[in-house]
PDB file of all heavy atoms in Angstrom:
ATOM      1  N   PHE A   1      84.750 178.050 -35.247  1.00  0.00           N
ATOM      2  CA  PHE A   1      84.387 178.059 -33.807  1.00  0.00           C
ATOM      3  C   PHE A   1      84.444 176.603 -33.276  1.00  0.00           C
ATOM      4  O   PHE A   1      84.052 175.668 -33.957  1.00  0.00           O
ATOM      5  CB  PHE A   1      82.965 178.635 -33.579  1.00  0.00           C
ATOM      6  CG  PHE A   1      82.885 180.075 -33.937  1.00  0.00           C
ATOM      7  CD1 PHE A   1      82.062 180.466 -34.984  1.00  0.00           C
ATOM      8  CD2 PHE A   1      83.599 181.016 -33.291  1.00  0.00           C
ATOM      9  CE1 PHE A   1      81.925 181.755 -35.347  1.00  0.00           C
ATOM     10  CE2 PHE A   1      83.500 182.367 -33.657  1.00  0.00           C
ATOM     11  CZ  PHE A   1      82.626 182.724 -34.666  1.00  0.00           C
ATOM     12  N   ALA A   2      84.922 176.458 -32.073  1.00  0.00           N
ATOM     13  CA  ALA A   2      84.927 175.157 -31.386  1.00  0.00           C
ATOM     14  C   ALA A   2      83.995 175.267 -30.185  1.00  0.00           C
ATOM     15  O   ALA A   2      84.407 175.684 -29.118  1.00  0.00           O
ATOM     16  CB  ALA A   2      86.348 174.788 -30.978  1.00  0.00           C
ATOM     17  N   ILE A   3      82.756 174.931 -30.366  1.00  0.00           N
ATOM     18  CA  ILE A   3      81.738 175.049 -29.290  1.00  0.00           C
ATOM     19  C   ILE A   3      81.585 173.706 -28.669  1.00  0.00           C
ATOM     20  O   ILE A   3      81.178 172.731 -29.315  1.00  0.00           O
ATOM     21  CB  ILE A   3      80.406 175.584 -29.890  1.00  0.00           C
ATOM     22  CG1 ILE A   3      80.648 176.980 -30.547  1.00  0.00           C
ATOM     23  CG2 ILE A   3      79.351 175.648 -28.830  1.00  0.00           C
ATOM     24  CD1 ILE A   3      79.514 177.475 -31.344  1.00  0.00           C
ATOM     25  N   PRO A   4      81.874 173.607 -27.396  1.00  0.00           N
ATOM     26  CA  PRO A   4      81.825 172.296 -26.711  1.00  0.00           C
ATOM     27  C   PRO A   4      80.379 171.729 -26.689  1.00  0.00           C
ATOM     28  O   PRO A   4      79.390 172.491 -26.661  1.00  0.00           O
ATOM     29  CB  PRO A   4      82.294 172.619 -25.298  1.00  0.00           C
ATOM     30  CG  PRO A   4      82.999 173.953 -25.389  1.00  0.00           C
ATOM     31  CD  PRO A   4      82.340 174.661 -26.520  1.00  0.00           C
ATOM     32  N   ALA A   5      80.281 170.414 -26.696  1.00  0.00           N
ATOM     33  CA  ALA A   5      78.970 169.750 -26.575  1.00  0.00           C
ATOM     34  C   ALA A   5      78.348 170.204 -25.300  1.00  0.00           C
ATOM     35  O   ALA A   5      79.008 170.286 -24.266  1.00  0.00           O
ATOM     36  CB  ALA A   5      79.152 168.243 -26.627  1.00  0.00           C
ATOM     37  N   GLY A   6      77.069 170.474 -25.361  1.00  0.00           N
ATOM     38  CA  GLY A   6      76.295 170.871 -24.167  1.00  0.00           C
ATOM     39  C   GLY A   6      76.471 172.361 -23.778  1.00  0.00           C
ATOM     40  O   GLY A   6      75.830 172.780 -22.832  1.00  0.00           O
ATOM     41  N   ALA A   7      77.257 173.068 -24.538  1.00  0.00           N
ATOM     42  CA  ALA A   7      77.441 174.543 -24.226  1.00  0.00           C
ATOM     43  C   ALA A   7      76.185 175.288 -24.611  1.00  0.00           C
ATOM     44  O   ALA A   7      75.453 174.882 -25.512  1.00  0.00           O
ATOM     45  CB  ALA A   7      78.654 175.053 -24.970  1.00  0.00           C
ATOM     46  N   THR A   8      75.944 176.369 -23.915  1.00  0.00           N
ATOM     47  CA  THR A   8      74.878 177.288 -24.215  1.00  0.00           C
ATOM     48  C   THR A   8      75.431 178.584 -24.823  1.00  0.00           C
ATOM     49  O   THR A   8      76.262 179.231 -24.196  1.00  0.00           O
ATOM     50  CB  THR A   8      74.050 177.618 -22.972  1.00  0.00           C
ATOM     51  OG1 THR A   8      73.548 176.419 -22.422  1.00  0.00           O
ATOM     52  CG2 THR A   8      72.904 178.529 -23.285  1.00  0.00           C
ATOM     53  N   ILE A   9      74.967 178.926 -25.996  1.00  0.00           N
ATOM     54  CA  ILE A   9      75.412 180.197 -26.639  1.00  0.00           C
ATOM     55  C   ILE A   9      74.506 181.269 -26.116  1.00  0.00           C
ATOM     56  O   ILE A   9      73.302 181.221 -26.225  1.00  0.00           O
ATOM     57  CB  ILE A   9      75.295 180.062 -28.166  1.00  0.00           C
ATOM     58  CG1 ILE A   9      76.242 178.925 -28.687  1.00  0.00           C
ATOM     59  CG2 ILE A   9      75.659 181.396 -28.823  1.00  0.00           C
ATOM     60  CD1 ILE A   9      76.066 178.634 -30.129  1.00  0.00           C
ATOM     61  N   THR A  10      75.120 182.279 -25.466  1.00  0.00           N
ATOM     62  CA  THR A  10      74.339 183.363 -24.884  1.00  0.00           C
ATOM     63  C   THR A  10      74.504 184.661 -25.675  1.00  0.00           C
ATOM     64  O   THR A  10      73.749 185.567 -25.394  1.00  0.00           O
ATOM     65  CB  THR A  10      74.836 183.629 -23.473  1.00  0.00           C
ATOM     66  OG1 THR A  10      76.215 183.920 -23.469  1.00  0.00           O
ATOM     67  CG2 THR A  10      74.569 182.376 -22.544  1.00  0.00           C
ATOM     68  N   GLY A  11      75.402 184.729 -26.641  1.00  0.00           N
ATOM     69  CA  GLY A  11      75.522 185.939 -27.366  1.00  0.00           C
ATOM     70  C   GLY A  11      76.566 185.796 -28.473  1.00  0.00           C
ATOM     71  O   GLY A  11      77.431 184.960 -28.406  1.00  0.00           O
ATOM     72  N   VAL A  12      76.458 186.708 -29.466  1.00  0.00           N
ATOM     73  CA  VAL A  12      77.399 186.745 -30.561  1.00  0.00           C
ATOM     74  C   VAL A  12      77.799 188.194 -30.787  1.00  0.00           C
ATOM     75  O   VAL A  12      76.973 189.112 -30.903  1.00  0.00           O
ATOM     76  CB  VAL A  12      76.778 186.201 -31.816  1.00  0.00           C
ATOM     77  CG1 VAL A  12      77.729 186.364 -33.046  1.00  0.00           C
ATOM     78  CG2 VAL A  12      76.419 184.718 -31.654  1.00  0.00           C
ATOM     79  N   THR A  13      79.096 188.466 -30.822  1.00  0.00           N
ATOM     80  CA  THR A  13      79.612 189.773 -31.118  1.00  0.00           C
ATOM     81  C   THR A  13      80.319 189.669 -32.480  1.00  0.00           C
ATOM     82  O   THR A  13      81.132 188.817 -32.685  1.00  0.00           O
ATOM     83  CB  THR A  13      80.627 190.225 -30.009  1.00  0.00           C
ATOM     84  OG1 THR A  13      79.986 190.205 -28.741  1.00  0.00           O
ATOM     85  CG2 THR A  13      81.182 191.622 -30.333  1.00  0.00           C
ATOM     86  N   VAL A  14      79.999 190.634 -33.322  1.00  0.00           N
ATOM     87  CA  VAL A  14      80.692 190.765 -34.598  1.00  0.00           C
ATOM     88  C   VAL A  14      81.403 192.083 -34.625  1.00  0.00           C
ATOM     89  O   VAL A  14      80.806 193.155 -34.360  1.00  0.00           O
ATOM     90  CB  VAL A  14      79.660 190.678 -35.786  1.00  0.00           C
ATOM     91  CG1 VAL A  14      80.344 190.962 -37.103  1.00  0.00           C
ATOM     92  CG2 VAL A  14      79.006 189.296 -35.824  1.00  0.00           C
ATOM     93  N   THR A  15      82.694 192.056 -34.961  1.00  0.00           N
ATOM     94  CA  THR A  15      83.500 193.255 -35.079  1.00  0.00           C
ATOM     95  C   THR A  15      84.063 193.348 -36.480  1.00  0.00           C
ATOM     96  O   THR A  15      84.519 192.343 -37.045  1.00  0.00           O
ATOM     97  CB  THR A  15      84.630 193.228 -34.069  1.00  0.00           C
ATOM     98  OG1 THR A  15      84.121 192.998 -32.759  1.00  0.00           O
ATOM     99  CG2 THR A  15      85.447 194.458 -34.076  1.00  0.00           C
ATOM    100  N   TYR A  16      83.978 194.537 -37.050  1.00  0.00           N
ATOM    101  CA  TYR A  16      84.505 194.732 -38.393  1.00  0.00           C
ATOM    102  C   TYR A  16      85.030 196.120 -38.508  1.00  0.00           C
ATOM    103  O   TYR A  16      84.745 197.007 -37.688  1.00  0.00           O
ATOM    104  CB  TYR A  16      83.480 194.425 -39.507  1.00  0.00           C
ATOM    105  CG  TYR A  16      82.208 195.288 -39.372  1.00  0.00           C
ATOM    106  CD1 TYR A  16      82.093 196.500 -40.029  1.00  0.00           C
ATOM    107  CD2 TYR A  16      81.135 194.941 -38.496  1.00  0.00           C
ATOM    108  CE1 TYR A  16      80.958 197.302 -39.912  1.00  0.00           C
ATOM    109  CE2 TYR A  16      80.063 195.724 -38.391  1.00  0.00           C
ATOM    110  CZ  TYR A  16      79.973 196.923 -39.107  1.00  0.00           C
ATOM    111  OH  TYR A  16      78.833 197.692 -38.918  1.00  0.00           O
ATOM    112  N   ARG A  17      85.832 196.362 -39.555  1.00  0.00           N
ATOM    113  CA  ARG A  17      86.374 197.723 -39.758  1.00  0.00           C
ATOM    114  C   ARG A  17      85.945 198.243 -41.124  1.00  0.00           C
ATOM    115  O   ARG A  17      85.738 197.416 -42.074  1.00  0.00           O
ATOM    116  CB  ARG A  17      87.888 197.664 -39.677  1.00  0.00           C
ATOM    117  CG  ARG A  17      88.328 197.364 -38.324  1.00  0.00           C
ATOM    118  CD  ARG A  17      89.845 197.273 -38.153  1.00  0.00           C
ATOM    119  NE  ARG A  17      90.650 197.755 -39.255  1.00  0.00           N
ATOM    120  CZ  ARG A  17      91.882 197.296 -39.455  1.00  0.00           C
ATOM    121  NH1 ARG A  17      92.371 196.411 -38.637  1.00  0.00           N
ATOM    122  NH2 ARG A  17      92.611 197.765 -40.436  1.00  0.00           N
ATOM    123  N   GLY A  18      85.882 199.541 -41.243  1.00  0.00           N
ATOM    124  CA  GLY A  18      85.538 200.094 -42.541  1.00  0.00           C
ATOM    125  C   GLY A  18      85.862 201.550 -42.641  1.00  0.00           C
ATOM    126  O   GLY A  18      86.085 202.234 -41.658  1.00  0.00           O
ATOM    127  N   LYS A  19      85.951 202.028 -43.850  1.00  0.00           N
ATOM    128  CA  LYS A  19      86.143 203.475 -44.130  1.00  0.00           C
ATOM    129  C   LYS A  19      85.884 203.733 -45.579  1.00  0.00           C
ATOM    130  O   LYS A  19      85.694 202.809 -46.375  1.00  0.00           O
ATOM    131  CB  LYS A  19      87.627 203.855 -43.827  1.00  0.00           C
ATOM    132  CG  LYS A  19      88.643 203.303 -44.778  1.00  0.00           C
ATOM    133  CD  LYS A  19      90.017 203.825 -44.419  1.00  0.00           C
ATOM    134  CE  LYS A  19      91.023 203.393 -45.502  1.00  0.00           C
ATOM    135  NZ  LYS A  19      92.291 204.062 -45.324  1.00  0.00           N
ATOM    136  N   VAL A  20      85.744 204.973 -45.975  1.00  0.00           N
ATOM    137  CA  VAL A  20      85.716 205.395 -47.364  1.00  0.00           C
ATOM    138  C   VAL A  20      87.030 206.034 -47.710  1.00  0.00           C
ATOM    139  O   VAL A  20      87.702 206.579 -46.848  1.00  0.00           O
ATOM    140  CB  VAL A  20      84.517 206.356 -47.666  1.00  0.00           C
ATOM    141  CG1 VAL A  20      83.225 205.728 -47.406  1.00  0.00           C
ATOM    142  CG2 VAL A  20      84.661 207.652 -46.846  1.00  0.00           C
ATOM    143  N   SER A  21      87.455 205.935 -48.920  1.00  0.00           N
ATOM    144  CA  SER A  21      88.735 206.470 -49.322  1.00  0.00           C
ATOM    145  C   SER A  21      88.582 207.757 -50.158  1.00  0.00           C
ATOM    146  O   SER A  21      89.599 208.327 -50.561  1.00  0.00           O
ATOM    147  CB  SER A  21      89.552 205.455 -50.135  1.00  0.00           C
ATOM    148  OG  SER A  21      88.843 205.081 -51.295  1.00  0.00           O
ATOM    149  N   ASN A  22      87.344 208.234 -50.302  1.00  0.00           N
ATOM    150  CA  ASN A  22      87.069 209.378 -51.195  1.00  0.00           C
ATOM    151  C   ASN A  22      86.137 210.271 -50.413  1.00  0.00           C
ATOM    152  O   ASN A  22      85.017 209.922 -50.089  1.00  0.00           O
ATOM    153  CB  ASN A  22      86.437 208.836 -52.429  1.00  0.00           C
ATOM    154  CG  ASN A  22      86.158 209.928 -53.396  1.00  0.00           C
ATOM    155  OD1 ASN A  22      86.007 211.126 -53.050  1.00  0.00           O
ATOM    156  ND2 ASN A  22      85.915 209.615 -54.648  1.00  0.00           N
ATOM    157  N   ASP A  23      86.608 211.507 -50.127  1.00  0.00           N
ATOM    158  CA  ASP A  23      85.753 212.500 -49.467  1.00  0.00           C
ATOM    159  C   ASP A  23      84.422 212.749 -50.131  1.00  0.00           C
ATOM    160  O   ASP A  23      83.505 213.191 -49.508  1.00  0.00           O
ATOM    161  CB  ASP A  23      86.503 213.800 -49.289  1.00  0.00           C
ATOM    162  CG  ASP A  23      87.462 213.768 -48.097  1.00  0.00           C
ATOM    163  OD1 ASP A  23      87.207 213.012 -47.150  1.00  0.00           O
ATOM    164  OD2 ASP A  23      88.540 214.444 -48.181  1.00  0.00           O
ATOM    165  N   ALA A  24      84.369 212.537 -51.447  1.00  0.00           N
ATOM    166  CA  ALA A  24      83.140 212.832 -52.180  1.00  0.00           C
ATOM    167  C   ALA A  24      81.950 211.925 -51.751  1.00  0.00           C
ATOM    168  O   ALA A  24      80.838 212.318 -51.927  1.00  0.00           O
ATOM    169  CB  ALA A  24      83.406 212.653 -53.690  1.00  0.00           C
ATOM    170  N   VAL A  25      82.291 210.773 -51.199  1.00  0.00           N
ATOM    171  CA  VAL A  25      81.181 209.872 -50.795  1.00  0.00           C
ATOM    172  C   VAL A  25      81.039 209.850 -49.252  1.00  0.00           C
ATOM    173  O   VAL A  25      80.141 209.198 -48.755  1.00  0.00           O
ATOM    174  CB  VAL A  25      81.394 208.444 -51.329  1.00  0.00           C
ATOM    175  CG1 VAL A  25      81.243 208.407 -52.820  1.00  0.00           C
ATOM    176  CG2 VAL A  25      82.665 207.810 -50.851  1.00  0.00           C
ATOM    177  N   THR A  26      81.881 210.537 -48.516  1.00  0.00           N
ATOM    178  CA  THR A  26      81.746 210.567 -47.024  1.00  0.00           C
ATOM    179  C   THR A  26      80.350 211.127 -46.729  1.00  0.00           C
ATOM    180  O   THR A  26      79.941 212.150 -47.294  1.00  0.00           O
ATOM    181  CB  THR A  26      82.825 211.480 -46.431  1.00  0.00           C
ATOM    182  OG1 THR A  26      84.121 210.892 -46.753  1.00  0.00           O
ATOM    183  CG2 THR A  26      82.689 211.624 -44.937  1.00  0.00           C
ATOM    184  N   GLY A  27      79.719 210.501 -45.789  1.00  0.00           N
ATOM    185  CA  GLY A  27      78.359 210.944 -45.443  1.00  0.00           C
ATOM    186  C   GLY A  27      77.232 210.249 -46.235  1.00  0.00           C
ATOM    187  O   GLY A  27      76.114 210.462 -45.980  1.00  0.00           O
ATOM    188  N   ASN A  28      77.625 209.491 -47.250  1.00  0.00           N
ATOM    189  CA  ASN A  28      76.643 208.822 -48.134  1.00  0.00           C
ATOM    190  C   ASN A  28      76.697 207.299 -48.035  1.00  0.00           C
ATOM    191  O   ASN A  28      75.909 206.655 -48.609  1.00  0.00           O
ATOM    192  CB  ASN A  28      76.855 209.243 -49.544  1.00  0.00           C
ATOM    193  CG  ASN A  28      76.598 210.694 -49.755  1.00  0.00           C
ATOM    194  OD1 ASN A  28      75.707 211.307 -49.167  1.00  0.00           O
ATOM    195  ND2 ASN A  28      77.478 211.378 -50.603  1.00  0.00           N
ATOM    196  N   LEU A  29      77.734 206.764 -47.369  1.00  0.00           N
ATOM    197  CA  LEU A  29      77.877 205.335 -47.353  1.00  0.00           C
ATOM    198  C   LEU A  29      77.763 204.779 -45.920  1.00  0.00           C
ATOM    199  O   LEU A  29      78.268 205.320 -44.964  1.00  0.00           O
ATOM    200  CB  LEU A  29      79.278 204.933 -47.873  1.00  0.00           C
ATOM    201  CG  LEU A  29      79.516 205.198 -49.356  1.00  0.00           C
ATOM    202  CD1 LEU A  29      80.944 204.859 -49.705  1.00  0.00           C
ATOM    203  CD2 LEU A  29      78.593 204.327 -50.199  1.00  0.00           C
ATOM    204  N   ARG A  30      77.039 203.686 -45.799  1.00  0.00           N
ATOM    205  CA  ARG A  30      76.965 202.966 -44.586  1.00  0.00           C
ATOM    206  C   ARG A  30      76.833 201.437 -44.868  1.00  0.00           C
ATOM    207  O   ARG A  30      76.441 201.075 -45.972  1.00  0.00           O
ATOM    208  CB  ARG A  30      75.809 203.443 -43.724  1.00  0.00           C
ATOM    209  CG  ARG A  30      74.466 202.998 -44.217  1.00  0.00           C
ATOM    210  CD  ARG A  30      73.379 203.549 -43.376  1.00  0.00           C
ATOM    211  NE  ARG A  30      73.311 204.957 -43.675  1.00  0.00           N
ATOM    212  CZ  ARG A  30      72.302 205.731 -43.287  1.00  0.00           C
ATOM    213  NH1 ARG A  30      71.331 205.255 -42.606  1.00  0.00           N
ATOM    214  NH2 ARG A  30      72.295 206.987 -43.626  1.00  0.00           N
ATOM    215  N   LEU A  31      77.201 200.645 -43.855  1.00  0.00           N
ATOM    216  CA  LEU A  31      77.013 199.237 -44.034  1.00  0.00           C
ATOM    217  C   LEU A  31      75.648 198.927 -43.459  1.00  0.00           C
ATOM    218  O   LEU A  31      75.348 199.188 -42.314  1.00  0.00           O
ATOM    219  CB  LEU A  31      78.114 198.481 -43.254  1.00  0.00           C
ATOM    220  CG  LEU A  31      79.512 198.806 -43.724  1.00  0.00           C
ATOM    221  CD1 LEU A  31      80.486 198.131 -42.814  1.00  0.00           C
ATOM    222  CD2 LEU A  31      79.681 198.283 -45.129  1.00  0.00           C
ATOM    223  N   ARG A  32      74.804 198.386 -44.285  1.00  0.00           N
ATOM    224  CA  ARG A  32      73.402 198.200 -43.913  1.00  0.00           C
ATOM    225  C   ARG A  32      73.127 196.827 -43.365  1.00  0.00           C
ATOM    226  O   ARG A  32      73.191 196.628 -42.162  1.00  0.00           O
ATOM    227  CB  ARG A  32      72.477 198.417 -45.149  1.00  0.00           C
ATOM    228  CG  ARG A  32      72.386 199.849 -45.598  1.00  0.00           C
ATOM    229  CD  ARG A  32      71.380 200.025 -46.647  1.00  0.00           C
ATOM    230  NE  ARG A  32      70.228 199.146 -46.425  1.00  0.00           N
ATOM    231  CZ  ARG A  32      69.525 198.653 -47.391  1.00  0.00           C
ATOM    232  NH1 ARG A  32      69.752 198.887 -48.635  1.00  0.00           N
ATOM    233  NH2 ARG A  32      68.468 197.931 -47.092  1.00  0.00           N
ATOM    234  N   ASP A  33      72.842 195.894 -44.167  1.00  0.00           N
ATOM    235  CA  ASP A  33      72.308 194.612 -43.769  1.00  0.00           C
ATOM    236  C   ASP A  33      73.382 193.720 -43.150  1.00  0.00           C
ATOM    237  O   ASP A  33      74.206 193.203 -43.849  1.00  0.00           O
ATOM    238  CB  ASP A  33      71.656 193.847 -44.896  1.00  0.00           C
ATOM    239  CG  ASP A  33      70.480 194.684 -45.487  1.00  0.00           C
ATOM    240  OD1 ASP A  33      69.831 195.367 -44.687  1.00  0.00           O
ATOM    241  OD2 ASP A  33      70.258 194.621 -46.694  1.00  0.00           O
ATOM    242  N   ILE A  34      73.384 193.601 -41.819  1.00  0.00           N
ATOM    243  CA  ILE A  34      74.386 192.809 -41.121  1.00  0.00           C
ATOM    244  C   ILE A  34      73.633 191.711 -40.409  1.00  0.00           C
ATOM    245  O   ILE A  34      72.903 191.965 -39.429  1.00  0.00           O
ATOM    246  CB  ILE A  34      75.160 193.667 -40.143  1.00  0.00           C
ATOM    247  CG1 ILE A  34      75.821 194.851 -40.926  1.00  0.00           C
ATOM    248  CG2 ILE A  34      76.233 192.811 -39.396  1.00  0.00           C
ATOM    249  CD1 ILE A  34      76.432 195.902 -39.980  1.00  0.00           C
TER     250      ILE A  34
END
């Protein structure tokens, strides 16, 4: 990141992608601690 001197940070957005590749675990997996 290139944050200019004196700038005010008002928010942070994090975007990510995910999936499971096995139907056996669908419904059992989630990304927790972010």
